[in-house]
């Protein structure tokens, strides 16, 4: 077990670290600023990834506009929603079509699960 690992890393002949093993987050060798900033940045990245997958990020509408050339006289009415850019919306849309329901599972696995597991 351990010997194979040391051979693979070319650490044969070096002494292993002495003393108790301490996580980098609580190690005195790491500056306090990094001990706080790195976990916060990792958490922010996770929340951004979750938001990008589960919240509607954009929507496309067909709009009709009417009004004159004077400022403030134009009005716009959204007539038809073309598409919503959201992972969950697209998975539900694929699942609702009988011929491509299996593609919903492919998208869910490779876009919803795999990025978190890897």
Foldseek 3Di string as FASTA:
>chain_A
DVVVVCVVVVNPPPDPDDDDDDDPLPDPVDDPVCSPPVVVVVVVVVVVLVCQAAPFPDWDFDKDWDADPDPPGIDIDTDGTDDTRHNVVVLVVQCPDVVRNVVSVVSCCVRPPVVVVD
